[in-house]
Amino acid sequence: EDYEIMVPFQGLLSYGFQVDAVCPGKRAGETCKTAIHDFEGDQTYSEKPGHNFALNANFDAVNVAEYQGLVIPGGRAPEYLALDPKVLSLVESFAASGKVIASICHGQQILAATPLLRGKTCTAYPAVGPACKLAGGNWVEPDPIDLAVTDGNLVTAAAWPGHPEFIRQFVAALGVRVTARSMAGV
């Protein structure tokens, strides 16, 4: 999902993090097509073409020890990424190393394909709720849709309208403290 990769990517860069974007089977410099899922009053989200998101690192070169955390975007990709043993192994390695994992929307389909949701409080896009429950997660209804939930080193959110809270909770779980100030916009 376009927003769910681009907004955390740019948001984490704005905090000064080095952010690597990877995809199995692709290398740095290649792109991934994205889609924009929008909430327009229909029974579910609509889908429009997104951007070609540029990757800046190689999936096969990821060394978990070099990272503080992992963001798993949602959208349609988790449907097939949850079937990739290399993806599941990488996610489990982040968890086993005590790294913070943040997953949004349909990204929890990947988590549900591992033992990582067992006993964890989590939320996701409503259609992913049954998978989270079957994986042993303590399900929190995503009402409102901008909900984000943290349980230890796991941060989950329902959908892109929750980016402010999702990113805030992820950054806090990484140990960054931000002092809020009032701002006015023009």
N, C-alpha and C. Protein backbone atom coordinates (compact mmCIF):
# COMPACT_ATOMS: atom_id res chain seq x y z
N GLU A 1 0.86 -1.17 0.00
CA GLU A 1 0.00 0.00 0.00
C GLU A 1 0.90 1.23 0.00
N ASP A 2 0.66 2.10 -0.92
CA ASP A 2 1.49 3.27 -1.15
C ASP A 2 1.73 4.07 0.13
N TYR A 3 0.67 4.49 0.80
CA TYR A 3 0.81 5.31 2.00
C TYR A 3 1.54 4.54 3.11
N GLU A 4 1.29 3.25 3.20
CA GLU A 4 1.81 2.47 4.32
C GLU A 4 3.29 2.13 4.18
N ILE A 5 3.84 2.34 3.00
CA ILE A 5 5.30 2.24 2.85
C ILE A 5 5.91 3.63 2.86
N MET A 6 5.33 4.57 2.12
CA MET A 6 5.94 5.89 1.96
C MET A 6 5.90 6.72 3.24
N VAL A 7 4.79 6.77 3.93
CA VAL A 7 4.69 7.64 5.11
C VAL A 7 5.63 7.18 6.23
N PRO A 8 5.64 5.90 6.64
CA PRO A 8 6.63 5.50 7.65
C PRO A 8 8.07 5.68 7.17
N PHE A 9 8.33 5.40 5.90
CA PHE A 9 9.68 5.57 5.36
C PHE A 9 10.13 7.02 5.55
N GLN A 10 9.32 7.97 5.09
CA GLN A 10 9.68 9.38 5.21
C GLN A 10 9.64 9.86 6.66
N GLY A 11 8.66 9.38 7.42
CA GLY A 11 8.55 9.79 8.83
C GLY A 11 9.77 9.38 9.63
N LEU A 12 10.23 8.14 9.43
CA LEU A 12 11.40 7.67 10.16
C LEU A 12 12.67 8.38 9.71
N LEU A 13 12.76 8.70 8.42
CA LEU A 13 13.90 9.51 7.95
C LEU A 13 13.90 10.86 8.65
N SER A 14 12.72 11.45 8.86
CA SER A 14 12.65 12.77 9.50
C SER A 14 13.13 12.73 10.94
N TYR A 15 13.10 11.57 11.58
CA TYR A 15 13.64 11.42 12.93
C TYR A 15 15.14 11.15 12.91
N GLY A 16 15.72 11.00 11.73
CA GLY A 16 17.14 10.76 11.61
C GLY A 16 17.54 9.30 11.52
N PHE A 17 16.57 8.41 11.41
CA PHE A 17 16.89 6.99 11.25
C PHE A 17 17.41 6.71 9.85
N GLN A 18 18.30 5.74 9.73
CA GLN A 18 18.67 5.17 8.43
C GLN A 18 17.55 4.17 8.13
N VAL A 19 16.86 4.32 7.02
CA VAL A 19 15.74 3.45 6.69
C VAL A 19 16.05 2.70 5.39
N ASP A 20 16.07 1.38 5.46
CA ASP A 20 16.30 0.56 4.29
C ASP A 20 14.98 -0.05 3.84
N ALA A 21 14.66 0.10 2.57
CA ALA A 21 13.46 -0.49 1.98
C ALA A 21 13.88 -1.67 1.12
N VAL A 22 13.34 -2.84 1.42
CA VAL A 22 13.71 -4.06 0.71
C VAL A 22 12.47 -4.82 0.26
N CYS A 23 12.69 -5.71 -0.69
CA CYS A 23 11.63 -6.58 -1.19
C CYS A 23 12.28 -7.88 -1.65
N PRO A 24 11.72 -9.04 -1.27
CA PRO A 24 12.31 -10.30 -1.74
C PRO A 24 12.35 -10.35 -3.26
N GLY A 25 13.46 -10.84 -3.77
CA GLY A 25 13.59 -11.00 -5.22
C GLY A 25 13.95 -9.73 -5.96
N LYS A 26 14.15 -8.61 -5.23
CA LYS A 26 14.52 -7.35 -5.87
C LYS A 26 15.76 -6.79 -5.18
N ARG A 27 16.44 -5.91 -5.92
CA ARG A 27 17.69 -5.33 -5.42
C ARG A 27 17.55 -3.82 -5.27
N ALA A 28 18.49 -3.23 -4.57
CA ALA A 28 18.54 -1.77 -4.45
C ALA A 28 18.54 -1.15 -5.85
N GLY A 29 17.76 -0.09 -5.99
CA GLY A 29 17.65 0.59 -7.28
C GLY A 29 16.45 0.14 -8.09
N GLU A 30 15.92 -1.03 -7.79
CA GLU A 30 14.69 -1.48 -8.46
C GLU A 30 13.49 -0.86 -7.75
N THR A 31 12.33 -1.01 -8.33
CA THR A 31 11.12 -0.44 -7.73
C THR A 31 10.06 -1.51 -7.50
N CYS A 32 9.14 -1.17 -6.62
CA CYS A 32 7.94 -1.96 -6.38
C CYS A 32 6.74 -1.10 -6.73
N LYS A 33 5.82 -1.65 -7.48
CA LYS A 33 4.57 -0.93 -7.74
C LYS A 33 3.74 -0.94 -6.47
N THR A 34 3.07 0.16 -6.21
CA THR A 34 2.20 0.23 -5.05
C THR A 34 0.79 0.57 -5.50
N ALA A 35 -0.14 0.42 -4.58
CA ALA A 35 -1.53 0.79 -4.82
C ALA A 35 -1.97 1.68 -3.66
N ILE A 36 -2.91 2.55 -3.95
CA ILE A 36 -3.48 3.41 -2.91
C ILE A 36 -4.84 2.85 -2.54
N HIS A 37 -4.99 2.50 -1.28
CA HIS A 37 -6.28 2.04 -0.77
C HIS A 37 -6.93 3.21 -0.07
N ASP A 38 -8.12 3.56 -0.51
CA ASP A 38 -8.79 4.73 0.03
C ASP A 38 -10.14 4.35 0.62
N PHE A 39 -10.57 5.13 1.56
CA PHE A 39 -11.85 4.92 2.23
C PHE A 39 -12.81 5.98 1.72
N GLU A 40 -13.72 5.56 0.83
CA GLU A 40 -14.61 6.50 0.16
C GLU A 40 -16.09 6.23 0.42
N GLY A 41 -16.37 5.53 1.51
CA GLY A 41 -17.75 5.27 1.88
C GLY A 41 -18.34 3.99 1.35
N ASP A 42 -17.55 3.19 0.64
CA ASP A 42 -18.03 1.90 0.14
C ASP A 42 -17.93 0.86 1.25
N GLN A 43 -18.29 -0.37 0.96
CA GLN A 43 -18.25 -1.43 1.96
C GLN A 43 -16.82 -1.80 2.34
N THR A 44 -15.87 -1.53 1.47
CA THR A 44 -14.46 -1.74 1.76
C THR A 44 -13.67 -0.65 1.06
N TYR A 45 -12.38 -0.71 1.10
CA TYR A 45 -11.55 0.31 0.49
C TYR A 45 -11.58 0.20 -1.02
N SER A 46 -11.31 1.32 -1.69
CA SER A 46 -11.12 1.31 -3.14
C SER A 46 -9.63 1.20 -3.41
N GLU A 47 -9.27 0.81 -4.63
CA GLU A 47 -7.86 0.66 -4.96
C GLU A 47 -7.55 1.45 -6.23
N LYS A 48 -6.49 2.25 -6.13
CA LYS A 48 -6.03 3.06 -7.26
C LYS A 48 -4.53 2.82 -7.44
N PRO A 49 -4.01 3.08 -8.64
CA PRO A 49 -2.56 2.92 -8.83
C PRO A 49 -1.79 3.87 -7.92
N GLY A 50 -0.71 3.37 -7.36
CA GLY A 50 0.15 4.19 -6.52
C GLY A 50 1.41 4.57 -7.28
N HIS A 51 2.49 4.70 -6.54
CA HIS A 51 3.78 5.08 -7.11
C HIS A 51 4.68 3.86 -7.30
N ASN A 52 5.72 4.03 -8.05
CA ASN A 52 6.79 3.04 -8.11
C ASN A 52 7.77 3.39 -7.00
N PHE A 53 7.74 2.61 -5.93
CA PHE A 53 8.56 2.90 -4.76
C PHE A 53 9.97 2.35 -4.97
N ALA A 54 10.97 3.22 -4.85
CA ALA A 54 12.37 2.83 -5.09
C ALA A 54 12.94 2.12 -3.86
N LEU A 55 13.51 0.95 -4.09
CA LEU A 55 14.18 0.21 -3.03
C LEU A 55 15.61 0.73 -2.89
N ASN A 56 16.11 0.76 -1.66
CA ASN A 56 17.45 1.28 -1.45
C ASN A 56 18.40 0.27 -0.80
N ALA A 57 17.96 -0.98 -0.66
CA ALA A 57 18.79 -2.03 -0.07
C ALA A 57 18.35 -3.37 -0.64
N ASN A 58 19.15 -4.40 -0.39
CA ASN A 58 18.87 -5.74 -0.90
C ASN A 58 18.31 -6.62 0.21
N PHE A 59 17.20 -7.28 -0.05
CA PHE A 59 16.57 -8.16 0.92
C PHE A 59 17.54 -9.22 1.43
N ASP A 60 18.25 -9.86 0.54
CA ASP A 60 19.15 -10.96 0.93
C ASP A 60 20.34 -10.49 1.76
N ALA A 61 20.60 -9.19 1.79
CA ALA A 61 21.74 -8.67 2.55
C ALA A 61 21.34 -8.15 3.93
N VAL A 62 20.08 -8.24 4.29
CA VAL A 62 19.64 -7.71 5.58
C VAL A 62 20.29 -8.51 6.71
N ASN A 63 20.95 -7.79 7.61
CA ASN A 63 21.55 -8.37 8.80
C ASN A 63 20.79 -7.80 10.00
N VAL A 64 19.98 -8.61 10.64
CA VAL A 64 19.10 -8.16 11.73
C VAL A 64 19.86 -7.39 12.79
N ALA A 65 21.09 -7.77 13.08
CA ALA A 65 21.88 -7.11 14.12
C ALA A 65 22.14 -5.64 13.82
N GLU A 66 22.02 -5.23 12.56
CA GLU A 66 22.29 -3.85 12.16
C GLU A 66 21.07 -2.95 12.27
N TYR A 67 19.93 -3.49 12.71
CA TYR A 67 18.69 -2.72 12.73
C TYR A 67 18.10 -2.64 14.14
N GLN A 68 17.36 -1.55 14.38
CA GLN A 68 16.65 -1.39 15.65
C GLN A 68 15.23 -1.93 15.57
N GLY A 69 14.68 -1.96 14.37
CA GLY A 69 13.30 -2.40 14.23
C GLY A 69 12.95 -2.72 12.80
N LEU A 70 11.70 -3.13 12.64
CA LEU A 70 11.18 -3.56 11.35
C LEU A 70 9.78 -2.99 11.18
N VAL A 71 9.50 -2.42 10.01
CA VAL A 71 8.15 -1.97 9.67
C VAL A 71 7.63 -2.88 8.57
N ILE A 72 6.44 -3.43 8.78
CA ILE A 72 5.78 -4.27 7.78
C ILE A 72 4.56 -3.51 7.28
N PRO A 73 4.62 -3.00 6.04
CA PRO A 73 3.46 -2.29 5.51
C PRO A 73 2.36 -3.26 5.11
N GLY A 74 1.17 -2.72 4.95
CA GLY A 74 0.04 -3.54 4.56
C GLY A 74 -0.17 -3.53 3.06
N GLY A 75 -1.43 -3.49 2.67
CA GLY A 75 -1.75 -3.55 1.25
C GLY A 75 -1.95 -4.99 0.81
N ARG A 76 -1.72 -5.23 -0.45
CA ARG A 76 -1.96 -6.56 -1.00
C ARG A 76 -0.75 -7.47 -0.93
N ALA A 77 0.45 -6.90 -0.82
CA ALA A 77 1.67 -7.70 -0.80
C ALA A 77 1.71 -8.74 0.31
N PRO A 78 1.22 -8.45 1.53
CA PRO A 78 1.29 -9.46 2.59
C PRO A 78 0.59 -10.78 2.24
N GLU A 79 -0.36 -10.73 1.32
CA GLU A 79 -1.05 -11.96 0.90
C GLU A 79 -0.05 -12.99 0.37
N TYR A 80 0.93 -12.52 -0.41
CA TYR A 80 1.91 -13.47 -0.94
C TYR A 80 3.19 -13.50 -0.10
N LEU A 81 3.55 -12.40 0.56
CA LEU A 81 4.76 -12.40 1.39
C LEU A 81 4.62 -13.36 2.57
N ALA A 82 3.39 -13.57 3.04
CA ALA A 82 3.16 -14.50 4.15
C ALA A 82 3.41 -15.95 3.74
N LEU A 83 3.57 -16.18 2.45
CA LEU A 83 3.86 -17.52 1.93
C LEU A 83 5.35 -17.73 1.65
N ASP A 84 6.15 -16.71 1.85
CA ASP A 84 7.57 -16.76 1.53
C ASP A 84 8.37 -17.12 2.78
N PRO A 85 8.97 -18.31 2.82
CA PRO A 85 9.72 -18.74 4.02
C PRO A 85 10.85 -17.78 4.41
N LYS A 86 11.48 -17.13 3.41
CA LYS A 86 12.55 -16.18 3.73
C LYS A 86 12.01 -14.95 4.47
N VAL A 87 10.83 -14.50 4.07
CA VAL A 87 10.21 -13.35 4.75
C VAL A 87 9.86 -13.74 6.18
N LEU A 88 9.22 -14.89 6.34
CA LEU A 88 8.82 -15.33 7.68
C LEU A 88 10.04 -15.52 8.57
N SER A 89 11.10 -16.08 8.04
CA SER A 89 12.33 -16.28 8.81
C SER A 89 12.93 -14.95 9.24
N LEU A 90 12.94 -13.98 8.34
CA LEU A 90 13.48 -12.67 8.67
C LEU A 90 12.66 -12.00 9.79
N VAL A 91 11.35 -12.05 9.67
CA VAL A 91 10.48 -11.45 10.69
C VAL A 91 10.70 -12.14 12.04
N GLU A 92 10.78 -13.46 12.02
CA GLU A 92 11.01 -14.19 13.28
C GLU A 92 12.39 -13.86 13.86
N SER A 93 13.38 -13.62 13.01
CA SER A 93 14.71 -13.25 13.49
C SER A 93 14.69 -11.89 14.18
N PHE A 94 13.94 -10.94 13.63
CA PHE A 94 13.79 -9.65 14.28
C PHE A 94 13.17 -9.83 15.67
N ALA A 95 12.13 -10.64 15.76
CA ALA A 95 11.46 -10.88 17.05
C ALA A 95 12.39 -11.58 18.03
N ALA A 96 13.09 -12.61 17.58
CA ALA A 96 13.99 -13.37 18.46
C ALA A 96 15.13 -12.50 18.98
N SER A 97 15.48 -11.45 18.23
CA SER A 97 16.54 -10.54 18.64
C SER A 97 16.03 -9.41 19.52
N GLY A 98 14.73 -9.44 19.84
CA GLY A 98 14.15 -8.40 20.69
C GLY A 98 13.94 -7.07 20.01
N LYS A 99 13.95 -7.07 18.68
CA LYS A 99 13.75 -5.82 17.93
C LYS A 99 12.28 -5.44 17.94
N VAL A 100 12.02 -4.16 17.78
CA VAL A 100 10.65 -3.66 17.69
C VAL A 100 10.12 -3.96 16.29
N ILE A 101 8.92 -4.51 16.23
CA ILE A 101 8.25 -4.79 14.95
C ILE A 101 6.97 -3.98 14.91
N ALA A 102 6.81 -3.20 13.85
CA ALA A 102 5.60 -2.41 13.64
C ALA A 102 4.94 -2.90 12.36
N SER A 103 3.68 -3.24 12.44
CA SER A 103 2.96 -3.79 11.30
C SER A 103 1.61 -3.11 11.20
N ILE A 104 1.21 -2.77 9.98
CA ILE A 104 -0.01 -2.01 9.78
C ILE A 104 -0.92 -2.69 8.75
N CYS A 105 -2.21 -2.61 9.01
CA CYS A 105 -3.26 -3.01 8.07
C CYS A 105 -3.21 -4.51 7.76
N HIS A 106 -2.91 -4.88 6.52
CA HIS A 106 -2.81 -6.28 6.13
C HIS A 106 -1.44 -6.88 6.43
N GLY A 107 -0.50 -6.06 6.90
CA GLY A 107 0.83 -6.57 7.26
C GLY A 107 0.75 -7.67 8.31
N GLN A 108 -0.29 -7.63 9.13
CA GLN A 108 -0.44 -8.63 10.17
C GLN A 108 -0.71 -10.03 9.60
N GLN A 109 -1.01 -10.13 8.30
CA GLN A 109 -1.10 -11.46 7.68
C GLN A 109 0.25 -12.16 7.74
N ILE A 110 1.32 -11.40 7.63
CA ILE A 110 2.67 -11.97 7.74
C ILE A 110 2.90 -12.43 9.18
N LEU A 111 2.55 -11.59 10.14
CA LEU A 111 2.72 -11.96 11.55
C LEU A 111 1.89 -13.19 11.90
N ALA A 112 0.68 -13.28 11.34
CA ALA A 112 -0.21 -14.41 11.63
C ALA A 112 0.35 -15.72 11.07
N ALA A 113 1.25 -15.65 10.11
CA ALA A 113 1.86 -16.86 9.54
C ALA A 113 3.06 -17.32 10.36
N THR A 114 3.33 -16.62 11.46
CA THR A 114 4.41 -16.96 12.38
C THR A 114 3.79 -17.13 13.77
N PRO A 115 4.55 -17.56 14.76
CA PRO A 115 4.02 -17.65 16.13
C PRO A 115 4.00 -16.31 16.88
N LEU A 116 4.34 -15.20 16.22
CA LEU A 116 4.59 -13.94 16.92
C LEU A 116 3.36 -13.26 17.51
N LEU A 117 2.17 -13.56 17.03
CA LEU A 117 0.97 -12.93 17.59
C LEU A 117 0.43 -13.66 18.82
N ARG A 118 0.90 -14.85 19.05
CA ARG A 118 0.39 -15.66 20.16
C ARG A 118 0.52 -14.91 21.49
N GLY A 119 -0.64 -14.61 22.12
CA GLY A 119 -0.66 -13.93 23.40
C GLY A 119 -0.44 -12.42 23.34
N LYS A 120 -0.28 -11.86 22.14
CA LYS A 120 -0.04 -10.43 21.98
C LYS A 120 -1.33 -9.69 21.67
N THR A 121 -1.49 -8.53 22.25
CA THR A 121 -2.62 -7.66 21.93
C THR A 121 -2.31 -6.95 20.63
N CYS A 122 -3.26 -7.00 19.68
CA CYS A 122 -3.00 -6.45 18.36
C CYS A 122 -4.29 -5.99 17.70
N THR A 123 -4.13 -5.18 16.67
CA THR A 123 -5.22 -4.78 15.80
C THR A 123 -4.73 -4.87 14.36
N ALA A 124 -5.62 -4.68 13.41
CA ALA A 124 -5.29 -4.73 11.99
C ALA A 124 -6.52 -4.25 11.22
N TYR A 125 -6.41 -4.23 9.91
CA TYR A 125 -7.59 -3.95 9.10
C TYR A 125 -8.63 -5.02 9.45
N PRO A 126 -9.92 -4.67 9.56
CA PRO A 126 -10.93 -5.62 10.05
C PRO A 126 -10.91 -6.99 9.37
N ALA A 127 -10.66 -7.04 8.06
CA ALA A 127 -10.67 -8.33 7.35
C ALA A 127 -9.53 -9.24 7.80
N VAL A 128 -8.52 -8.71 8.48
CA VAL A 128 -7.39 -9.51 8.94
C VAL A 128 -7.62 -10.00 10.37
N GLY A 129 -8.66 -9.51 11.02
CA GLY A 129 -8.96 -9.90 12.39
C GLY A 129 -9.06 -11.40 12.61
N PRO A 130 -9.79 -12.15 11.77
CA PRO A 130 -9.87 -13.59 11.98
C PRO A 130 -8.50 -14.28 11.95
N ALA A 131 -7.62 -13.85 11.05
CA ALA A 131 -6.28 -14.45 11.00
C ALA A 131 -5.50 -14.15 12.27
N CYS A 132 -5.64 -12.91 12.77
CA CYS A 132 -4.94 -12.54 14.01
C CYS A 132 -5.45 -13.37 15.19
N LYS A 133 -6.75 -13.57 15.25
CA LYS A 133 -7.34 -14.37 16.34
C LYS A 133 -6.90 -15.83 16.24
N LEU A 134 -6.94 -16.39 15.02
CA LEU A 134 -6.53 -17.79 14.83
C LEU A 134 -5.06 -17.99 15.15
N ALA A 135 -4.25 -16.94 15.01
CA ALA A 135 -2.83 -17.02 15.32
C ALA A 135 -2.56 -16.82 16.81
N GLY A 136 -3.65 -16.65 17.60
CA GLY A 136 -3.50 -16.53 19.04
C GLY A 136 -3.37 -15.11 19.56
N GLY A 137 -3.61 -14.13 18.68
CA GLY A 137 -3.55 -12.74 19.11
C GLY A 137 -4.75 -12.35 19.94
N ASN A 138 -4.55 -11.42 20.86
CA ASN A 138 -5.64 -10.83 21.64
C ASN A 138 -6.15 -9.64 20.83
N TRP A 139 -7.23 -9.85 20.12
CA TRP A 139 -7.74 -8.93 19.11
C TRP A 139 -8.38 -7.70 19.73
N VAL A 140 -8.02 -6.52 19.19
CA VAL A 140 -8.65 -5.25 19.53
C VAL A 140 -9.36 -4.75 18.28
N GLU A 141 -10.66 -4.57 18.37
CA GLU A 141 -11.43 -4.08 17.21
C GLU A 141 -10.87 -2.74 16.75
N PRO A 142 -10.67 -2.57 15.46
CA PRO A 142 -10.10 -1.32 14.94
C PRO A 142 -11.16 -0.22 14.82
N ASP A 143 -11.67 0.17 15.96
CA ASP A 143 -12.70 1.21 16.00
C ASP A 143 -12.29 2.24 17.03
N PRO A 144 -11.76 3.36 16.58
CA PRO A 144 -11.79 3.90 15.22
C PRO A 144 -10.70 3.29 14.33
N ILE A 145 -10.80 3.53 13.03
CA ILE A 145 -9.89 2.92 12.06
C ILE A 145 -8.47 3.46 12.20
N ASP A 146 -8.30 4.57 12.93
CA ASP A 146 -6.95 5.13 13.11
C ASP A 146 -6.28 4.62 14.38
N LEU A 147 -6.77 3.51 14.91
CA LEU A 147 -6.25 2.91 16.13
C LEU A 147 -4.87 2.28 15.91
N ALA A 148 -4.00 2.45 16.91
CA ALA A 148 -2.72 1.74 16.96
C ALA A 148 -2.58 1.17 18.36
N VAL A 149 -1.93 0.00 18.47
CA VAL A 149 -1.81 -0.72 19.74
C VAL A 149 -0.36 -1.17 19.90
N THR A 150 0.18 -0.99 21.09
CA THR A 150 1.53 -1.49 21.40
C THR A 150 1.43 -2.55 22.49
N ASP A 151 2.10 -3.67 22.28
CA ASP A 151 2.23 -4.73 23.27
C ASP A 151 3.69 -5.16 23.28
N GLY A 152 4.44 -4.64 24.25
CA GLY A 152 5.87 -4.94 24.30
C GLY A 152 6.58 -4.39 23.08
N ASN A 153 7.26 -5.25 22.34
CA ASN A 153 8.00 -4.84 21.14
C ASN A 153 7.18 -4.96 19.87
N LEU A 154 5.87 -5.06 20.00
CA LEU A 154 4.99 -5.17 18.83
C LEU A 154 4.05 -3.97 18.77
N VAL A 155 4.09 -3.27 17.65
CA VAL A 155 3.18 -2.14 17.40
C VAL A 155 2.34 -2.51 16.19
N THR A 156 1.02 -2.44 16.34
CA THR A 156 0.14 -2.74 15.21
C THR A 156 -0.85 -1.59 15.04
N ALA A 157 -1.30 -1.41 13.81
CA ALA A 157 -2.29 -0.39 13.51
C ALA A 157 -3.25 -0.93 12.46
N ALA A 158 -4.43 -0.31 12.42
CA ALA A 158 -5.50 -0.80 11.56
C ALA A 158 -5.35 -0.39 10.09
N ALA A 159 -4.93 0.83 9.85
CA ALA A 159 -4.87 1.33 8.47
C ALA A 159 -4.14 2.67 8.45
N TRP A 160 -3.87 3.16 7.25
CA TRP A 160 -3.08 4.38 7.11
C TRP A 160 -3.65 5.61 7.82
N PRO A 161 -4.96 5.74 8.05
CA PRO A 161 -5.39 6.91 8.82
C PRO A 161 -4.77 6.96 10.23
N GLY A 162 -4.23 5.83 10.69
CA GLY A 162 -3.59 5.77 12.00
C GLY A 162 -2.10 6.05 11.98
N HIS A 163 -1.56 6.52 10.85
CA HIS A 163 -0.11 6.76 10.78
C HIS A 163 0.44 7.62 11.91
N PRO A 164 -0.19 8.74 12.27
CA PRO A 164 0.41 9.54 13.35
C PRO A 164 0.61 8.73 14.64
N GLU A 165 -0.38 7.99 15.04
CA GLU A 165 -0.27 7.20 16.27
C GLU A 165 0.66 5.99 16.08
N PHE A 166 0.58 5.35 14.93
CA PHE A 166 1.43 4.20 14.60
C PHE A 166 2.91 4.59 14.66
N ILE A 167 3.26 5.69 13.99
CA ILE A 167 4.65 6.13 13.97
C ILE A 167 5.06 6.61 15.35
N ARG A 168 4.19 7.33 16.05
CA ARG A 168 4.52 7.80 17.40
C ARG A 168 4.83 6.62 18.31
N GLN A 169 3.97 5.58 18.29
CA GLN A 169 4.19 4.42 19.16
C GLN A 169 5.44 3.63 18.75
N PHE A 170 5.69 3.51 17.45
CA PHE A 170 6.88 2.80 16.99
C PHE A 170 8.15 3.52 17.44
N VAL A 171 8.19 4.83 17.22
CA VAL A 171 9.36 5.62 17.60
C VAL A 171 9.55 5.57 19.12
N ALA A 172 8.47 5.62 19.88
CA ALA A 172 8.58 5.52 21.35
C ALA A 172 9.13 4.15 21.75
N ALA A 173 8.67 3.09 21.08
CA ALA A 173 9.15 1.74 21.38
C ALA A 173 10.63 1.59 21.03
N LEU A 174 11.11 2.39 20.08
CA LEU A 174 12.52 2.39 19.72
C LEU A 174 13.35 3.18 20.73
N GLY A 175 12.68 3.84 21.67
CA GLY A 175 13.38 4.58 22.72
C GLY A 175 13.56 6.05 22.46
N VAL A 176 12.94 6.57 21.41
CA VAL A 176 13.05 8.00 21.10
C VAL A 176 11.98 8.74 21.91
N ARG A 177 12.39 9.80 22.56
CA ARG A 177 11.45 10.63 23.32
C ARG A 177 11.30 11.97 22.62
N VAL A 178 10.07 12.33 22.34
CA VAL A 178 9.78 13.60 21.67
C VAL A 178 8.96 14.44 22.61
N THR A 179 9.36 15.70 22.78
CA THR A 179 8.59 16.62 23.60
C THR A 179 7.65 17.37 22.69
N ALA A 180 6.36 17.28 22.97
CA ALA A 180 5.34 17.91 22.11
C ALA A 180 5.29 19.41 22.35
N ARG A 181 5.05 20.13 21.28
CA ARG A 181 4.84 21.56 21.34
C ARG A 181 3.62 21.87 20.51
N SER A 182 2.94 22.93 20.85
CA SER A 182 1.79 23.37 20.05
C SER A 182 2.29 24.02 18.78
N MET A 183 1.60 23.76 17.69
CA MET A 183 1.97 24.35 16.41
C MET A 183 0.72 24.87 15.72
N ALA A 184 0.91 25.89 14.94
CA ALA A 184 -0.17 26.41 14.11
C ALA A 184 0.25 26.26 12.66
N GLY A 185 -0.67 25.89 11.81
CA GLY A 185 -0.37 25.76 10.38
C GLY A 185 -1.10 26.82 9.59
N VAL A 186 -0.55 27.12 8.46
CA VAL A 186 -1.17 28.13 7.60
C VAL A 186 -1.73 27.44 6.38
